[in-house]
Amino acid sequence: MDIHKKYMELALRMSLRAKGATSPNPMVGAVIVKKGKIIGRGYHEKTGLPHAEVLALDEAGKEARGAVLYVTLEPCTHFGRTPPCVDKIIRSGVKEVVIGIIDPNPLNNGKGVRILRQNKIKVTTGVLEPQIKKINEVFIKYITKKTPFVTVKAAQSLDGKIATHSGNSKWITSDKSRAYAHRLRAGYDAVMVGVNTVLRDNPLLDPWFLKRHPVKIIVDSQLSTPQGASLFSKKSSVIIATLPIAPGQETENRKILEAQAKILEVKEKAGQVDLKDMMRKLARLGITNILVEGGGTLIGSLFDEGLVDKILFFISPKIIGGKEAISSVMGKGIARVDKAIKLKEMKLKRFGEDLLVEGYI
């Protein structure tokens, strides 16, 4: 194996130790090597804490002089919650910096490489670039598009139904599928549902096993979320995305909900919440990725607006049938089959009798 790839692979694995904990920052790992020996390691653990290369340089100490620094993301040049990393790198005396990907953040994009080279430090870029971009896909979209990365999860029957014609939906998929779906929530900043799902299922939306509790988002244009809904637990905050109202038109229900949740007013589109405007405003609140868990109307609208990045469809070997049964993807849909949304990088997993289809749009 190429020596650069060998040590960058180690830095990549280091970065994954903080999976689900660094938002809105990326996952970054660093390794310092001198004469074939690793003398420093580090990974970015959480927003506000030291960056990976700083930790690795602290561990290496004076031995860093003349060494090679491997870091998965281009070192930063700007003051944020922490000082610029390039300054510490230059002072350390390392002779070479090997970088996985150039920082997509416009504040830094390419500047770190330029400053290091201006200070006579050799710089190599693009080592394991595809793999590092993959693990930081959320950060890359968030920092470049200013909108969250959106994953749609659905638990459906073989014929695409998420509930019967009477609205019954418990339980279509198996215990194994549901347990895995709950673990998924820990990797997201927020879990989103439409108000119809709240009214029909009264979900709690808390993970079963984990201490980290994502923000709960309800898309509710008419602000009809019940005051006593189960998702108003004390374990996590709630955001209700709704339409603006004129001054003096506050209802009693709205006043009560304002004490339980953050009311996020967004633009109106055809009488409903403008989903693109909602996503932009959620990004401004620091929400980088969202797991959408239903229902069919919200999911369909997100597809119609081109806002879905990834899907996780759990398919149970059951047939529900019925014209009035609720489908996993509703909305307007497409007029021609040749215009259908296609998946790429598709993977299949088994959970007992259920099948998980995972893919990117």
Protein backbone atom coordinates (compact mmCIF):
# COMPACT_ATOMS: atom_id res chain seq x y z
CA MET A 1 0.00 0.00 0.00
CA ASP A 2 1.15 3.55 -0.77
CA ILE A 3 2.67 4.98 2.42
CA HIS A 4 0.48 8.09 2.28
CA LYS A 5 -2.66 5.96 1.94
CA LYS A 6 -1.57 3.80 4.86
CA TYR A 7 -1.33 6.68 7.31
CA MET A 8 -4.34 8.55 5.88
CA GLU A 9 -6.41 5.42 6.42
CA LEU A 10 -5.40 5.55 10.07
CA ALA A 11 -6.36 9.25 10.26
CA LEU A 12 -9.72 8.44 8.65
CA ARG A 13 -10.39 5.71 11.22
CA MET A 14 -9.46 8.16 13.99
CA SER A 15 -12.01 10.66 12.67
CA LEU A 16 -14.81 8.08 12.84
CA ARG A 17 -14.46 7.87 16.61
CA ALA A 18 -16.50 11.07 16.82
CA LYS A 19 -19.27 9.95 14.44
CA GLY A 20 -22.50 11.72 15.33
CA ALA A 21 -20.83 14.10 17.78
CA THR A 22 -19.15 16.84 15.73
CA SER A 23 -22.10 18.60 14.08
CA PRO A 24 -22.06 21.20 12.61
CA ASN A 25 -18.33 20.52 12.13
CA PRO A 26 -16.89 17.71 9.99
CA MET A 27 -15.25 14.54 11.26
CA VAL A 28 -11.48 15.01 11.10
CA GLY A 29 -8.56 12.80 12.11
CA ALA A 30 -4.81 13.45 12.14
CA VAL A 31 -1.63 11.39 12.49
CA ILE A 32 1.98 12.57 12.73
CA VAL A 33 4.75 10.29 11.46
CA LYS A 34 8.53 10.59 11.83
CA LYS A 35 11.04 8.03 10.58
CA GLY A 36 8.28 5.45 10.14
CA LYS A 37 6.99 5.90 13.70
CA ILE A 38 3.68 7.44 14.73
CA ILE A 39 4.42 10.17 17.25
CA GLY A 40 1.06 11.94 17.43
CA ARG A 41 -2.65 11.18 16.97
CA GLY A 42 -5.79 13.22 17.29
CA TYR A 43 -9.40 13.56 16.18
CA HIS A 44 -11.94 16.33 16.47
CA GLU A 45 -14.26 15.18 19.24
CA LYS A 46 -16.87 17.93 19.39
CA THR A 47 -17.62 21.47 18.22
CA GLY A 48 -15.65 23.96 20.29
CA LEU A 49 -12.95 21.46 21.24
CA PRO A 50 -9.44 21.45 19.68
CA HIS A 51 -9.10 20.30 16.09
CA ALA A 52 -7.51 16.98 15.18
CA GLU A 53 -4.15 18.35 14.02
CA VAL A 54 -3.78 20.45 17.18
CA LEU A 55 -4.24 17.39 19.39
CA ALA A 56 -1.79 15.37 17.30
CA LEU A 57 0.82 18.15 17.46
CA ASP A 58 0.37 18.47 21.22
CA GLU A 59 1.04 14.75 21.60
CA ALA A 60 4.08 14.87 19.32
CA GLY A 61 5.54 17.93 21.05
CA LYS A 62 9.03 18.95 19.94
CA GLU A 63 9.39 15.69 18.02
CA ALA A 64 7.03 17.11 15.37
CA ARG A 65 9.91 19.10 13.83
CA GLY A 66 10.83 17.42 10.55
CA ALA A 67 7.84 15.04 10.70
CA VAL A 68 4.92 14.47 8.30
CA LEU A 69 1.39 15.44 9.34
CA TYR A 70 -1.52 13.49 7.86
CA VAL A 71 -4.92 15.15 8.25
CA THR A 72 -8.20 14.22 6.59
CA LEU A 73 -9.34 17.84 6.06
CA GLU A 74 -7.37 20.91 5.00
CA PRO A 75 -6.22 22.79 8.13
CA CYS A 76 -8.23 25.94 8.90
CA THR A 77 -6.92 29.47 8.51
CA HIS A 78 -9.64 31.47 10.27
CA PHE A 79 -10.66 32.17 13.83
CA GLY A 80 -13.87 30.38 14.79
CA ARG A 81 -14.46 28.67 18.11
CA THR A 82 -10.76 27.77 17.99
CA PRO A 83 -7.63 29.55 16.60
CA PRO A 84 -6.32 28.82 13.05
CA CYS A 85 -4.62 25.43 12.86
CA VAL A 86 -2.13 26.50 10.17
CA ASP A 87 -0.38 28.79 12.64
CA LYS A 88 0.36 25.93 15.03
CA ILE A 89 1.43 23.68 12.15
CA ILE A 90 3.92 26.27 10.90
CA ARG A 91 5.34 26.79 14.41
CA SER A 92 5.68 23.03 14.94
CA GLY A 93 8.31 22.67 12.21
CA VAL A 94 6.69 19.76 10.35
CA LYS A 95 8.24 19.37 6.91
CA GLU A 96 5.19 18.01 5.05
CA VAL A 97 1.40 18.02 5.38
CA VAL A 98 -0.65 15.35 3.59
CA ILE A 99 -4.32 16.29 3.22
CA GLY A 100 -7.32 14.13 2.39
CA ILE A 101 -9.75 16.76 1.08
CA ILE A 102 -9.67 20.51 0.54
CA ASP A 103 -11.99 22.25 3.01
CA PRO A 104 -15.30 22.98 1.19
CA ASN A 105 -15.96 25.87 3.61
CA PRO A 106 -15.66 29.07 1.51
CA LEU A 107 -13.88 30.73 4.46
CA ASN A 108 -10.97 28.34 4.08
CA ASN A 109 -11.23 26.61 0.71
CA GLY A 110 -7.62 26.29 -0.52
CA LYS A 111 -6.24 28.97 1.80
CA GLY A 112 -4.68 26.50 4.22
CA VAL A 113 -2.73 24.80 1.44
CA ARG A 114 -1.55 28.13 0.07
CA ILE A 115 -0.32 29.43 3.44
CA LEU A 116 1.51 26.19 4.24
CA ARG A 117 3.30 26.24 0.88
CA GLN A 118 4.18 29.91 1.33
CA ASN A 119 5.93 28.84 4.53
CA LYS A 120 8.04 26.24 2.67
CA ILE A 121 6.02 23.24 3.89
CA LYS A 122 5.44 20.52 1.32
CA VAL A 123 1.75 19.81 0.78
CA THR A 124 0.12 16.77 -0.85
CA THR A 125 -3.66 16.70 -1.35
CA GLY A 126 -6.37 14.28 -2.44
CA VAL A 127 -5.23 11.17 -0.54
CA LEU A 128 -8.29 8.92 0.03
CA GLU A 129 -10.42 11.84 -1.13
CA PRO A 130 -13.54 9.82 -2.16
CA GLN A 131 -13.69 7.95 1.17
CA ILE A 132 -13.23 11.11 3.24
CA LYS A 133 -15.83 13.02 1.24
CA LYS A 134 -18.24 10.14 1.81
CA ILE A 135 -18.01 10.22 5.60
CA ASN A 136 -18.35 14.01 5.56
CA GLU A 137 -21.19 14.21 3.03
CA VAL A 138 -23.43 15.97 5.56
CA PHE A 139 -20.89 18.69 6.32
CA ILE A 140 -20.08 19.21 2.64
CA LYS A 141 -23.71 19.80 1.68
CA TYR A 142 -24.43 21.94 4.72
CA ILE A 143 -21.42 24.23 4.30
CA THR A 144 -21.75 24.63 0.51
CA LYS A 145 -25.53 24.63 -0.03
CA LYS A 146 -26.59 26.13 3.33
CA THR A 147 -29.28 23.46 3.71
CA PRO A 148 -29.37 20.21 5.71
CA PHE A 149 -28.63 16.77 4.31
CA VAL A 150 -32.01 15.01 4.14
CA THR A 151 -32.51 11.26 4.60
CA VAL A 152 -35.99 9.76 4.21
CA LYS A 153 -36.79 6.65 6.24
CA ALA A 154 -39.92 4.63 5.62
CA ALA A 155 -41.23 1.33 6.99
CA GLN A 156 -43.55 -0.08 4.37
CA SER A 157 -45.25 -3.18 3.07
CA LEU A 158 -44.20 -4.91 -0.12
CA ASP A 159 -46.82 -2.88 -2.00
CA GLY A 160 -45.54 0.42 -0.65
CA LYS A 161 -48.07 1.08 2.14
CA ILE A 162 -47.17 2.63 5.50
CA ALA A 163 -50.70 2.28 6.95
CA THR A 164 -53.97 0.54 6.16
CA HIS A 165 -57.07 2.36 4.87
CA SER A 166 -58.18 2.76 8.51
CA GLY A 167 -54.87 4.42 9.43
CA ASN A 168 -53.46 1.46 11.37
CA SER A 169 -49.66 1.21 11.03
CA LYS A 170 -48.36 -0.75 14.06
CA TRP A 171 -46.33 -2.67 13.26
CA ILE A 172 -45.52 -3.21 9.59
CA THR A 173 -41.85 -4.08 10.04
CA SER A 174 -40.13 -6.36 12.55
CA ASP A 175 -38.62 -5.66 15.98
CA LYS A 176 -35.14 -5.97 14.44
CA SER A 177 -35.91 -3.32 11.83
CA ARG A 178 -37.40 -0.95 14.39
CA ALA A 179 -34.44 -1.38 16.75
CA TYR A 180 -32.02 -0.51 13.94
CA ALA A 181 -34.15 2.48 12.94
CA HIS A 182 -33.98 3.80 16.50
CA ARG A 183 -30.20 3.52 16.52
CA LEU A 184 -30.10 5.51 13.28
CA ARG A 185 -31.55 8.54 15.07
CA ALA A 186 -28.36 9.04 17.05
CA GLY A 187 -26.53 10.03 13.87
CA TYR A 188 -28.84 12.93 13.05
CA ASP A 189 -29.30 16.45 14.37
CA ALA A 190 -33.06 16.22 13.93
CA VAL A 191 -35.95 13.85 13.26
CA MET A 192 -38.80 15.26 11.15
CA VAL A 193 -42.44 14.26 10.72
CA GLY A 194 -45.53 15.84 9.26
CA VAL A 195 -48.40 16.85 11.52
CA ASN A 196 -50.60 14.06 10.13
CA THR A 197 -48.16 11.52 11.56
CA VAL A 198 -48.39 13.24 14.95
CA LEU A 199 -52.20 13.22 14.82
CA ARG A 200 -52.45 9.61 13.64
CA ASP A 201 -49.62 7.85 15.51
CA ASN A 202 -48.70 10.23 18.36
CA PRO A 203 -45.01 9.18 18.13
CA LEU A 204 -42.47 9.87 20.87
CA LEU A 205 -39.54 10.11 18.40
CA ASP A 206 -36.94 9.46 21.10
CA PRO A 207 -34.26 6.78 20.54
CA TRP A 208 -34.76 3.65 22.63
CA PHE A 209 -31.17 3.07 23.63
CA LEU A 210 -29.15 6.23 23.34
CA LYS A 211 -28.43 9.30 25.41
CA ARG A 212 -28.24 11.65 22.42
CA HIS A 213 -31.69 12.98 21.54
CA PRO A 214 -32.12 14.71 18.19
CA VAL A 215 -34.30 17.79 17.83
CA LYS A 216 -37.86 16.92 16.80
CA ILE A 217 -39.31 18.87 13.89
CA ILE A 218 -43.01 18.95 13.01
CA VAL A 219 -44.13 20.35 9.66
CA ASP A 220 -47.51 21.84 10.52
CA SER A 221 -48.84 24.63 8.30
CA GLN A 222 -52.02 25.20 10.34
CA LEU A 223 -50.41 24.71 13.76
CA SER A 224 -52.76 21.89 14.67
CA THR A 225 -50.24 19.89 16.73
CA PRO A 226 -51.97 18.74 19.98
CA GLN A 227 -50.63 20.33 23.15
CA GLY A 228 -50.35 16.93 24.81
CA ALA A 229 -48.51 15.15 21.99
CA SER A 230 -46.06 12.51 23.22
CA LEU A 231 -43.09 14.08 21.44
CA PHE A 232 -43.13 16.98 23.92
CA SER A 233 -40.81 15.06 26.21
CA LYS A 234 -38.16 16.80 28.27
CA LYS A 235 -35.38 14.84 26.59
CA SER A 236 -35.12 17.00 23.47
CA SER A 237 -36.33 20.24 21.98
CA VAL A 238 -39.14 20.58 19.44
CA ILE A 239 -39.42 22.86 16.41
CA ILE A 240 -42.77 23.39 14.70
CA ALA A 241 -42.47 24.76 11.16
CA THR A 242 -45.62 26.68 10.31
CA LEU A 243 -47.01 29.61 8.33
CA PRO A 244 -46.83 33.19 9.58
CA ILE A 245 -49.89 34.81 11.11
CA ALA A 246 -50.95 38.42 11.24
CA PRO A 247 -50.36 40.31 14.52
CA GLY A 248 -53.20 39.85 16.98
CA GLN A 249 -54.38 36.54 15.45
CA GLU A 250 -52.62 34.26 17.92
CA THR A 251 -54.84 31.40 19.08
CA GLU A 252 -54.84 29.93 22.56
CA ASN A 253 -53.35 26.72 21.14
CA ARG A 254 -50.50 28.69 19.56
CA LYS A 255 -49.70 30.42 22.84
CA ILE A 256 -49.50 27.08 24.63
CA LEU A 257 -47.38 25.51 21.88
CA GLU A 258 -44.98 28.46 22.00
CA ALA A 259 -44.22 27.47 25.60
CA GLN A 260 -43.48 23.88 24.53
CA ALA A 261 -41.62 24.35 21.24
CA LYS A 262 -39.84 26.81 18.98
CA ILE A 263 -42.32 28.09 16.42
CA LEU A 264 -40.45 28.53 13.13
CA GLU A 265 -42.41 30.68 10.71
CA VAL A 266 -41.64 30.01 7.05
CA LYS A 267 -42.92 31.21 3.71
CA GLU A 268 -46.19 29.92 2.28
CA LYS A 269 -46.39 27.92 -0.95
CA ALA A 270 -49.79 26.86 -2.28
CA GLY A 271 -51.27 27.10 1.21
CA GLN A 272 -48.59 24.91 2.76
CA VAL A 273 -45.17 25.37 4.33
CA ASP A 274 -42.54 26.25 1.73
CA LEU A 275 -40.18 23.33 2.29
CA LYS A 276 -37.16 24.95 0.66
CA ASP A 277 -37.52 28.05 2.83
CA MET A 278 -37.96 25.80 5.87
CA MET A 279 -34.73 23.92 5.10
CA ARG A 280 -32.76 27.14 4.73
CA LYS A 281 -34.04 28.41 8.07
CA LEU A 282 -33.32 25.09 9.80
CA ALA A 283 -29.74 25.28 8.49
CA ARG A 284 -29.39 28.74 10.04
CA LEU A 285 -30.32 27.13 13.36
CA GLY A 286 -27.32 24.81 12.98
CA ILE A 287 -29.22 21.71 11.87
CA THR A 288 -26.97 19.93 9.36
CA ASN A 289 -28.83 16.68 8.75
CA ILE A 290 -32.40 15.46 9.14
CA LEU A 291 -33.98 12.01 9.30
CA VAL A 292 -37.52 12.27 7.88
CA GLU A 293 -39.78 9.58 9.30
CA GLY A 294 -43.11 10.37 7.66
CA GLY A 295 -45.71 10.55 6.64
CA GLY A 296 -46.39 9.93 2.99
CA THR A 297 -47.58 13.46 2.24
CA LEU A 298 -44.45 15.11 3.67
CA ILE A 299 -42.14 12.58 2.06
CA GLY A 300 -43.83 13.00 -1.31
CA SER A 301 -43.58 16.79 -1.09
CA LEU A 302 -39.87 16.59 -0.23
CA PHE A 303 -39.29 14.43 -3.32
CA ASP A 304 -41.38 16.83 -5.43
CA GLU A 305 -39.18 19.72 -4.29
CA GLY A 306 -35.93 17.83 -4.92
CA LEU A 307 -34.90 18.04 -1.27
CA VAL A 308 -34.09 14.37 -0.58
CA ASP A 309 -30.47 13.22 -0.61
CA LYS A 310 -30.74 9.63 0.64
CA ILE A 311 -33.39 6.99 1.35
CA LEU A 312 -33.70 4.16 3.86
CA PHE A 313 -36.74 2.03 3.01
CA PHE A 314 -37.52 -0.93 5.27
CA ILE A 315 -39.70 -3.33 3.30
CA SER A 316 -41.75 -6.00 5.05
CA PRO A 317 -42.95 -9.10 3.12
CA LYS A 318 -46.59 -8.13 3.66
CA ILE A 319 -49.25 -6.94 1.23
CA ILE A 320 -51.75 -4.45 2.61
CA GLY A 321 -53.59 -3.32 -0.50
CA GLY A 322 -56.47 -0.88 -0.66
CA LYS A 323 -56.89 2.26 -2.73
CA GLU A 324 -57.28 4.36 0.40
CA ALA A 325 -54.29 2.87 2.23
CA ILE A 326 -51.50 5.36 2.84
CA SER A 327 -48.43 5.10 0.60
CA SER A 328 -44.88 5.88 1.71
CA VAL A 329 -44.39 8.48 -1.05
CA MET A 330 -47.36 10.60 -2.03
CA GLY A 331 -47.18 14.21 -3.25
CA LYS A 332 -47.60 15.09 -6.93
CA GLY A 333 -45.23 12.46 -8.24
CA ILE A 334 -44.05 12.26 -11.84
CA ALA A 335 -46.02 12.07 -15.09
CA ARG A 336 -43.75 9.69 -17.00
CA VAL A 337 -41.93 6.57 -15.88
CA ASP A 338 -38.76 7.65 -17.70
CA LYS A 339 -38.68 10.69 -15.39
CA ALA A 340 -38.80 8.59 -12.22
CA ILE A 341 -36.31 9.35 -9.46
CA LYS A 342 -33.44 6.86 -9.66
CA LEU A 343 -31.19 5.57 -6.90
CA LYS A 344 -27.43 5.24 -7.01
CA GLU A 345 -24.96 3.50 -4.71
CA MET A 346 -27.78 1.20 -3.64
CA LYS A 347 -27.24 -1.30 -0.82
CA LEU A 348 -29.47 -4.09 0.50
CA LYS A 349 -29.51 -5.40 4.07
CA ARG A 350 -31.62 -8.04 5.79
CA PHE A 351 -33.27 -7.65 9.18
CA GLY A 352 -35.01 -10.95 9.79
CA GLU A 353 -37.71 -11.14 7.12
CA ASP A 354 -37.43 -7.45 6.30
CA LEU A 355 -35.27 -5.91 3.60
CA LEU A 356 -33.60 -2.48 3.93
CA VAL A 357 -33.03 -0.61 0.69
CA GLU A 358 -30.46 2.17 1.12
CA GLY A 359 -29.46 4.53 -1.66
CA TYR A 360 -28.72 8.07 -2.80
CA ILE A 361 -30.85 10.22 -5.08
